[in-house]
Every structure is written in C-alpha cells, then in structure tokens.
N, C-alpha and C. Protein backbone atom coordinates (compact mmCIF):
# COMPACT_ATOMS: atom_id res chain seq x y z
N MET A 1 0.32 -14.38 6.07
CA MET A 1 -0.36 -13.21 6.60
C MET A 1 -0.64 -12.24 5.47
N CYS A 2 -1.56 -11.34 5.73
CA CYS A 2 -1.86 -10.33 4.72
C CYS A 2 -2.17 -9.01 5.39
N GLY A 3 -2.17 -7.98 4.62
CA GLY A 3 -2.51 -6.65 5.11
C GLY A 3 -3.05 -5.82 3.96
N ILE A 4 -3.91 -4.90 4.28
CA ILE A 4 -4.51 -4.03 3.27
C ILE A 4 -4.29 -2.59 3.70
N VAL A 5 -3.89 -1.77 2.76
CA VAL A 5 -3.71 -0.34 3.00
C VAL A 5 -4.59 0.40 2.01
N GLY A 6 -5.31 1.40 2.46
CA GLY A 6 -6.14 2.20 1.57
C GLY A 6 -6.07 3.67 1.95
N ALA A 7 -6.34 4.52 1.00
CA ALA A 7 -6.34 5.96 1.25
C ALA A 7 -7.31 6.64 0.30
N ILE A 8 -8.03 7.61 0.83
CA ILE A 8 -8.90 8.46 0.02
C ILE A 8 -8.48 9.89 0.30
N ALA A 9 -8.15 10.61 -0.75
CA ALA A 9 -7.70 12.00 -0.57
C ALA A 9 -7.86 12.76 -1.87
N GLN A 10 -7.81 14.07 -1.78
CA GLN A 10 -7.90 14.91 -2.97
C GLN A 10 -6.54 15.05 -3.64
N ARG A 11 -5.47 14.75 -2.92
CA ARG A 11 -4.14 14.85 -3.50
C ARG A 11 -3.67 13.46 -3.94
N ASP A 12 -2.52 13.40 -4.56
CA ASP A 12 -1.95 12.14 -5.04
C ASP A 12 -1.68 11.21 -3.86
N VAL A 13 -2.27 10.04 -3.89
CA VAL A 13 -2.14 9.10 -2.77
C VAL A 13 -1.13 8.00 -3.04
N ALA A 14 -0.49 8.00 -4.20
CA ALA A 14 0.44 6.92 -4.54
C ALA A 14 1.55 6.80 -3.51
N GLU A 15 2.15 7.91 -3.08
CA GLU A 15 3.23 7.86 -2.09
C GLU A 15 2.73 7.33 -0.75
N ILE A 16 1.53 7.71 -0.36
CA ILE A 16 0.94 7.21 0.89
C ILE A 16 0.79 5.70 0.82
N LEU A 17 0.27 5.21 -0.29
CA LEU A 17 0.05 3.77 -0.45
C LEU A 17 1.37 3.01 -0.52
N LEU A 18 2.36 3.57 -1.20
CA LEU A 18 3.67 2.91 -1.26
C LEU A 18 4.29 2.81 0.13
N GLU A 19 4.16 3.84 0.93
CA GLU A 19 4.68 3.79 2.30
C GLU A 19 3.95 2.73 3.11
N GLY A 20 2.65 2.61 2.90
CA GLY A 20 1.89 1.57 3.58
C GLY A 20 2.37 0.18 3.20
N LEU A 21 2.66 -0.03 1.90
CA LEU A 21 3.18 -1.32 1.46
C LEU A 21 4.55 -1.60 2.06
N ARG A 22 5.37 -0.57 2.16
CA ARG A 22 6.70 -0.75 2.77
C ARG A 22 6.57 -1.18 4.24
N ARG A 23 5.61 -0.59 4.94
CA ARG A 23 5.43 -0.92 6.35
C ARG A 23 4.88 -2.33 6.55
N LEU A 24 4.18 -2.84 5.55
CA LEU A 24 3.63 -4.20 5.63
C LEU A 24 4.59 -5.25 5.07
N GLU A 25 5.71 -4.82 4.54
CA GLU A 25 6.63 -5.72 3.85
C GLU A 25 7.10 -6.89 4.73
N TYR A 26 7.25 -6.68 6.01
CA TYR A 26 7.73 -7.73 6.90
C TYR A 26 6.76 -8.90 6.98
N ARG A 27 5.52 -8.72 6.56
CA ARG A 27 4.52 -9.79 6.63
C ARG A 27 4.77 -10.87 5.58
N GLY A 28 5.55 -10.58 4.58
CA GLY A 28 5.82 -11.57 3.54
C GLY A 28 6.09 -10.89 2.22
N TYR A 29 6.83 -11.56 1.38
CA TYR A 29 7.24 -10.98 0.11
C TYR A 29 6.52 -11.61 -1.07
N ASP A 30 5.53 -12.47 -0.82
CA ASP A 30 4.90 -13.23 -1.89
C ASP A 30 4.32 -12.34 -2.99
N SER A 31 3.64 -11.29 -2.61
CA SER A 31 3.08 -10.40 -3.63
C SER A 31 2.71 -9.07 -3.01
N ALA A 32 2.65 -8.09 -3.85
CA ALA A 32 2.21 -6.76 -3.45
C ALA A 32 1.64 -6.08 -4.68
N GLY A 33 0.74 -5.16 -4.47
CA GLY A 33 0.16 -4.47 -5.61
C GLY A 33 -0.31 -3.09 -5.22
N LEU A 34 -0.53 -2.28 -6.24
CA LEU A 34 -0.98 -0.91 -6.04
C LEU A 34 -1.93 -0.56 -7.17
N ALA A 35 -3.12 -0.08 -6.83
CA ALA A 35 -4.08 0.38 -7.83
C ALA A 35 -4.52 1.78 -7.45
N VAL A 36 -4.41 2.70 -8.39
CA VAL A 36 -4.83 4.08 -8.17
C VAL A 36 -5.85 4.43 -9.24
N CYS A 37 -7.04 4.84 -8.82
CA CYS A 37 -8.11 5.19 -9.77
C CYS A 37 -8.44 6.66 -9.72
C-alpha cells in the first residue's frame, strides 16, 4: 500500500508533513521520504 501527504503553506510545513508520515506509518515500513522546497 502507499499514501501521499502534501501541504502548501506560508509557514514551515516540515512538522505537518512529518505528522502525515507518522499517520501513514501503519501502511508499511518499506520506505518514507520528505522533500521541502
């Protein structure tokens, strides 16, 4: 299974994205990533 989390905001979104990854963790531990531009 897979899941995608995204966020667009004027403030730092890294914590939002990390929380999204934590919530998707039960789907599998094979890989996870975070890109902030």
